[in-house]
Amino acid sequence: MISPSSPGKLLRDAWSGPAFAIPGVFNALVAKMAERLGFRAVYLSGGALSAAYGVPDVGLLTLSEFVQEACIIAQATNLPLLCDADTGFGEALNVERTVRQFENAGVAGIHLEDQQLPKRCGHLSGKSLVEPVTMAAKIRAAVAARRDPSFVIIARTDARGVTGFDDAVSRAKAYLQAGADAIFPEALESAEEFAAFAKAVPATLLANNTEFGKSPNLDVAEFGKLGYCMVLFPLTTLRAALKSAGDTLADIQAHGHQRDRLGQMLTRAELYDLLNYKDYEARDKAFFGTT
């Protein structure tokens, strides 16, 4: 039976309405920011997590590292958390464990991709794909492994940049038949391709609105008109934060102070407010019987 308040159910409820943005959050505090601003879901990107570890997104991190970060973020927010699960961290039997680990962490759902290892960022060349039957087996394993039937399984296909648009459509249909709840066509190259894919694959669809890639940076409403209900911004906040951090470090190195950057920072009061510092302090005093 589907829990009325499970993370997966919350994500499904969100996609039943107009198209909505799912921002990538690279730590728990950014997830809290997203919740305060009224977003309906958040996303943990494998690319962002790999970058935080100082390594490229080529499948170097393990399931344990993904799940540990997912658990921290899921506990910090009431928003449903969608997670990148790369290729499932192995074959179909590995995918069973992958799903159970993410579900136990409080995640709303995952997406699995049809690349071979070593995997690549979806907007880079040099990718290779598993056979559709292999990916379909992973999808069936993922569906069978979930305990809450509302836990979301999204199938991502990277075929557009490897074997072409028609194969991406064919694979998407096979993955839906295997039980995927939604489809994520990676690296489509124009608004026309997004529209054509949605027409060919009438399903719940996710668009990736990443920067500096092969896909156009349309706005959420435009993606909605093209047939997509979820729109990822996977590394947007991370890229902005890293650019700001780099500029700030350069100022400190060049000028010996950070004063020119103060207006671009969260103040101490703003940070403490985001962290609910006063609530912690009040509870601590209450436990000691003081006012």
Protein backbone atom coordinates (compact mmCIF):
# COMPACT_ATOMS: atom_id res chain seq x y z
CA MET A 1 0.00 0.00 0.00
CA ILE A 2 1.32 3.47 -0.90
CA SER A 3 1.92 5.66 2.12
CA PRO A 4 0.09 8.99 1.81
CA SER A 5 3.17 10.86 3.00
CA SER A 6 6.02 8.82 1.57
CA PRO A 7 8.74 10.73 -0.33
CA GLY A 8 7.89 8.91 -3.54
CA LYS A 9 4.22 9.83 -3.23
CA LEU A 10 5.17 13.48 -2.71
CA LEU A 11 7.24 13.43 -5.91
CA ARG A 12 4.43 11.78 -7.85
CA ASP A 13 1.98 14.37 -6.55
CA ALA A 14 4.33 17.13 -7.70
CA TRP A 15 4.54 15.86 -11.28
CA SER A 16 0.77 15.54 -11.56
CA GLY A 17 0.55 19.34 -11.87
CA PRO A 18 2.32 21.89 -14.08
CA ALA A 19 5.99 21.43 -14.99
CA PHE A 20 8.26 22.22 -12.07
CA ALA A 21 11.94 22.78 -11.42
CA ILE A 22 14.04 20.33 -9.43
CA PRO A 23 17.24 22.10 -8.37
CA GLY A 24 20.39 20.19 -7.63
CA VAL A 25 21.43 20.56 -3.99
CA PHE A 26 25.03 19.76 -3.17
CA ASN A 27 24.56 19.69 0.59
CA ALA A 28 21.85 19.71 3.24
CA LEU A 29 21.92 23.48 3.74
CA VAL A 30 21.21 24.16 0.07
CA ALA A 31 18.28 21.75 0.36
CA LYS A 32 16.95 23.84 3.25
CA MET A 33 17.27 26.96 1.08
CA ALA A 34 15.29 25.29 -1.70
CA GLU A 35 12.55 24.27 0.71
CA ARG A 36 12.22 27.81 2.09
CA LEU A 37 11.95 29.19 -1.43
CA GLY A 38 9.04 26.92 -2.24
CA PHE A 39 10.54 24.30 -4.55
CA ARG A 40 8.61 21.05 -4.72
CA ALA A 41 11.55 18.62 -4.89
CA VAL A 42 15.35 18.56 -4.85
CA TYR A 43 17.99 16.51 -6.61
CA LEU A 44 21.35 14.96 -5.76
CA SER A 45 23.54 14.88 -8.86
CA GLY A 46 26.29 12.32 -9.28
CA GLY A 47 28.27 14.98 -11.09
CA ALA A 48 27.95 17.38 -8.18
CA LEU A 49 28.77 14.70 -5.62
CA SER A 50 31.83 13.61 -7.59
CA ALA A 51 32.99 17.22 -7.89
CA ALA A 52 32.62 17.67 -4.12
CA TYR A 53 35.02 14.74 -3.72
CA GLY A 54 37.41 16.39 -6.18
CA VAL A 55 37.03 13.75 -8.90
CA PRO A 56 35.31 13.72 -12.32
CA ASP A 57 31.93 12.12 -12.92
CA VAL A 58 33.20 8.85 -14.41
CA GLY A 59 31.77 6.33 -11.96
CA LEU A 60 34.50 6.55 -9.33
CA LEU A 61 32.27 6.95 -6.29
CA THR A 62 30.56 4.00 -4.65
CA LEU A 63 26.97 3.28 -3.68
CA SER A 64 27.87 3.86 -0.03
CA GLU A 65 29.12 7.38 -0.75
CA PHE A 66 25.99 8.24 -2.71
CA VAL A 67 23.65 6.86 -0.07
CA GLN A 68 25.48 8.55 2.80
CA GLU A 69 25.03 11.98 1.21
CA ALA A 70 21.45 11.20 0.20
CA CYS A 71 20.59 10.29 3.79
CA ILE A 72 22.04 13.55 5.12
CA ILE A 73 20.08 15.64 2.61
CA ALA A 74 16.83 13.68 3.03
CA GLN A 75 16.95 14.23 6.81
CA ALA A 76 17.46 17.98 6.37
CA THR A 77 14.36 18.69 4.29
CA ASN A 78 10.73 17.72 3.96
CA LEU A 79 11.02 17.93 0.18
CA PRO A 80 11.18 14.69 -1.83
CA LEU A 81 14.75 13.97 -2.92
CA LEU A 82 15.44 12.48 -6.36
CA CYS A 83 18.89 10.90 -6.67
CA ASP A 84 21.24 10.07 -9.50
CA ALA A 85 22.10 6.37 -9.18
CA ASP A 86 24.45 6.22 -12.17
CA THR A 87 24.31 2.77 -13.76
CA GLY A 88 22.92 1.15 -10.61
CA PHE A 89 26.39 0.26 -9.28
CA GLY A 90 26.48 -3.08 -11.04
CA GLU A 91 24.19 -5.54 -12.76
CA ALA A 92 20.55 -6.34 -12.02
CA LEU A 93 21.22 -8.00 -8.67
CA ASN A 94 23.32 -5.01 -7.61
CA VAL A 95 20.45 -2.73 -8.58
CA GLU A 96 18.22 -4.51 -6.06
CA ARG A 97 20.57 -3.48 -3.27
CA THR A 98 20.93 0.01 -4.74
CA VAL A 99 17.18 0.59 -4.59
CA ARG A 100 16.85 -0.72 -1.04
CA GLN A 101 19.74 1.41 0.19
CA PHE A 102 18.34 4.60 -1.33
CA GLU A 103 14.83 3.83 -0.13
CA ASN A 104 16.10 3.20 3.41
CA ALA A 105 17.86 6.59 3.25
CA GLY A 106 14.52 8.35 2.81
CA VAL A 107 14.90 9.14 -0.89
CA ALA A 108 11.85 9.66 -3.14
CA GLY A 109 13.34 7.95 -6.16
CA ILE A 110 16.36 7.38 -8.38
CA HIS A 111 17.27 7.42 -12.03
CA LEU A 112 19.32 4.70 -13.68
CA GLU A 113 21.20 5.17 -16.94
CA ASP A 114 21.99 2.78 -19.78
CA GLN A 115 25.71 3.49 -20.06
CA GLN A 116 28.54 1.03 -19.70
CA LEU A 117 31.36 1.65 -17.25
CA PRO A 118 33.42 3.75 -17.26
CA LYS A 119 30.44 6.07 -17.55
CA ARG A 120 30.65 9.67 -18.70
CA CYS A 121 28.77 12.88 -18.16
CA GLY A 122 25.74 12.71 -20.42
CA HIS A 123 26.85 15.75 -22.40
CA LEU A 124 30.35 14.47 -23.20
CA SER A 125 31.51 12.18 -25.98
CA GLY A 126 33.11 8.79 -25.49
CA LYS A 127 30.08 7.05 -23.96
CA SER A 128 29.08 3.47 -24.68
CA LEU A 129 25.76 1.80 -23.94
CA VAL A 130 24.63 -1.50 -22.55
CA GLU A 131 22.18 -3.53 -24.61
CA PRO A 132 18.54 -2.56 -24.14
CA VAL A 133 17.74 -6.00 -22.67
CA THR A 134 20.42 -5.47 -20.02
CA MET A 135 18.99 -2.10 -19.02
CA ALA A 136 15.46 -3.50 -19.03
CA ALA A 137 16.61 -6.21 -16.62
CA LYS A 138 17.96 -3.51 -14.29
CA ILE A 139 14.64 -1.68 -14.42
CA ARG A 140 12.73 -4.86 -13.59
CA ALA A 141 15.11 -5.53 -10.69
CA ALA A 142 14.65 -1.97 -9.40
CA VAL A 143 10.86 -2.21 -9.53
CA ALA A 144 10.86 -5.59 -7.80
CA ALA A 145 13.21 -4.41 -5.05
CA ARG A 146 11.28 -1.36 -3.84
CA ARG A 147 9.20 -1.88 -0.74
CA ASP A 148 7.07 1.23 -1.20
CA PRO A 149 5.42 1.04 -4.63
CA SER A 150 5.48 4.85 -4.77
CA PHE A 151 9.31 4.88 -4.76
CA VAL A 152 10.12 6.34 -8.17
CA ILE A 153 12.22 4.52 -10.78
CA ILE A 154 13.28 6.76 -13.68
CA ALA A 155 15.08 5.30 -16.69
CA ARG A 156 17.64 7.55 -18.33
CA THR A 157 18.83 6.83 -21.83
CA ASP A 158 22.04 8.29 -23.21
CA ALA A 159 21.38 6.89 -26.68
CA ARG A 160 20.87 10.25 -28.41
CA GLY A 161 24.59 11.04 -28.27
CA VAL A 162 25.74 7.51 -29.11
CA THR A 163 23.35 5.66 -31.43
CA GLY A 164 20.93 8.43 -32.32
CA PHE A 165 17.49 9.83 -31.63
CA ASP A 166 15.50 6.87 -32.96
CA ASP A 167 17.35 4.44 -30.71
CA ALA A 168 16.69 6.71 -27.73
CA VAL A 169 12.96 6.50 -28.48
CA SER A 170 13.11 2.72 -28.94
CA ARG A 171 15.00 2.24 -25.69
CA ALA A 172 12.64 4.51 -23.77
CA LYS A 173 9.67 2.41 -24.87
CA ALA A 174 11.45 -0.79 -23.79
CA TYR A 175 12.27 0.70 -20.40
CA LEU A 176 8.66 1.75 -19.86
CA GLN A 177 7.55 -1.76 -20.71
CA ALA A 178 10.02 -3.06 -18.11
CA GLY A 179 8.29 -0.94 -15.46
CA ALA A 180 10.00 2.46 -15.36
CA ASP A 181 7.80 5.19 -13.89
CA ALA A 182 9.31 7.97 -16.00
CA ILE A 183 11.87 8.55 -18.75
CA PHE A 184 14.89 10.88 -18.78
CA PRO A 185 16.21 11.40 -22.34
CA GLU A 186 19.71 12.79 -21.88
CA ALA A 187 21.42 15.31 -24.17
CA LEU A 188 18.67 16.08 -26.65
CA GLU A 189 19.97 18.89 -28.82
CA SER A 190 17.06 21.21 -29.61
CA ALA A 191 13.58 22.21 -28.55
CA GLU A 192 12.35 20.37 -31.64
CA GLU A 193 14.00 17.16 -30.45
CA PHE A 194 12.47 17.51 -27.00
CA ALA A 195 9.05 17.94 -28.61
CA ALA A 196 9.54 15.01 -31.00
CA PHE A 197 10.66 12.74 -28.18
CA ALA A 198 7.63 13.65 -26.04
CA LYS A 199 5.34 12.93 -29.00
CA ALA A 200 7.00 9.57 -29.65
CA VAL A 201 7.15 8.55 -25.97
CA PRO A 202 3.89 9.51 -24.23
CA ALA A 203 5.01 9.07 -20.63
CA THR A 204 6.08 11.01 -17.55
CA LEU A 205 9.19 12.80 -18.82
CA LEU A 206 12.13 14.55 -17.17
CA ALA A 207 14.24 17.19 -18.95
CA ASN A 208 17.80 18.05 -17.99
CA ASN A 209 18.39 21.82 -18.08
CA THR A 210 22.11 21.66 -17.36
CA GLU A 211 24.45 24.48 -18.38
CA PHE A 212 27.22 24.35 -21.00
CA GLY A 213 25.92 21.11 -22.50
CA LYS A 214 24.25 19.96 -25.68
CA SER A 215 20.69 20.81 -24.68
CA PRO A 216 19.13 24.28 -24.92
CA ASN A 217 18.55 26.18 -21.68
CA LEU A 218 14.80 26.63 -21.99
CA ASP A 219 12.69 27.77 -19.05
CA VAL A 220 10.46 25.47 -17.05
CA ALA A 221 7.23 26.62 -18.69
CA GLU A 222 8.70 26.01 -22.16
CA PHE A 223 9.69 22.47 -21.21
CA GLY A 224 6.17 22.00 -19.87
CA LYS A 225 4.67 23.00 -23.21
CA LEU A 226 6.96 20.48 -24.92
CA GLY A 227 5.62 17.65 -22.75
CA TYR A 228 8.00 17.48 -19.76
CA CYS A 229 6.75 17.65 -16.17
CA MET A 230 10.10 17.64 -14.32
CA VAL A 231 13.03 19.92 -15.16
CA LEU A 232 16.41 19.28 -13.56
CA PHE A 233 18.95 22.01 -12.78
CA PRO A 234 21.56 19.50 -11.60
CA LEU A 235 24.74 21.55 -11.11
CA THR A 236 23.44 25.12 -11.28
CA THR A 237 23.83 25.95 -7.59
CA LEU A 238 27.19 24.17 -7.39
CA ARG A 239 28.61 26.03 -10.38
CA ALA A 240 27.44 29.37 -8.97
CA ALA A 241 28.84 28.60 -5.52
CA LEU A 242 32.19 27.43 -6.89
CA LYS A 243 32.56 30.54 -9.05
CA SER A 244 31.86 32.73 -6.03
CA ALA A 245 34.26 30.73 -3.87
CA GLY A 246 37.01 31.00 -6.47
CA ASP A 247 36.54 34.75 -6.86
CA THR A 248 36.56 35.19 -3.08
CA LEU A 249 39.75 33.17 -2.69
CA ALA A 250 41.37 35.25 -5.42
CA ASP A 251 40.43 38.45 -3.55
CA ILE A 252 41.91 37.17 -0.31
CA GLN A 253 45.10 36.15 -2.08
CA ALA A 254 45.41 39.44 -3.97
CA HIS A 255 44.23 41.94 -1.35
CA GLY A 256 44.65 40.19 1.98
CA HIS A 257 41.02 40.76 2.99
CA GLN A 258 37.42 39.77 2.13
CA ARG A 259 35.75 43.13 2.74
CA ASP A 260 34.69 43.66 -0.89
CA ARG A 261 32.79 40.39 -0.79
CA LEU A 262 30.71 40.98 2.34
CA GLY A 263 27.66 42.13 0.39
CA GLN A 264 27.61 38.84 -1.51
CA MET A 265 27.66 36.66 1.61
CA LEU A 266 24.99 35.32 3.91
CA THR A 267 25.27 37.30 7.12
CA ARG A 268 25.78 35.52 10.41
CA ALA A 269 22.13 36.21 11.27
CA GLU A 270 20.90 34.85 7.93
CA LEU A 271 22.98 31.69 8.31
CA TYR A 272 21.77 31.10 11.87
CA ASP A 273 18.19 31.65 10.76
CA LEU A 274 18.59 29.08 7.99
CA LEU A 275 20.01 26.64 10.53
CA ASN A 276 17.16 27.32 13.03
CA TYR A 277 19.83 28.13 15.58
CA LYS A 278 17.40 29.77 18.02
CA ASP A 279 15.24 26.64 18.13
CA TYR A 280 18.23 24.51 19.09
CA GLU A 281 19.23 27.00 21.76
CA ALA A 282 15.71 27.14 23.19
CA ARG A 283 15.44 23.34 23.37
CA ASP A 284 18.83 23.08 25.04
CA LYS A 285 17.76 25.53 27.74
CA ALA A 286 14.43 23.72 28.20
CA PHE A 287 16.16 20.40 28.81
CA PHE A 288 17.99 22.02 31.73
CA GLY A 289 14.78 23.53 33.09
CA THR A 290 15.82 27.12 32.44
CA THR A 291 14.07 29.90 30.55
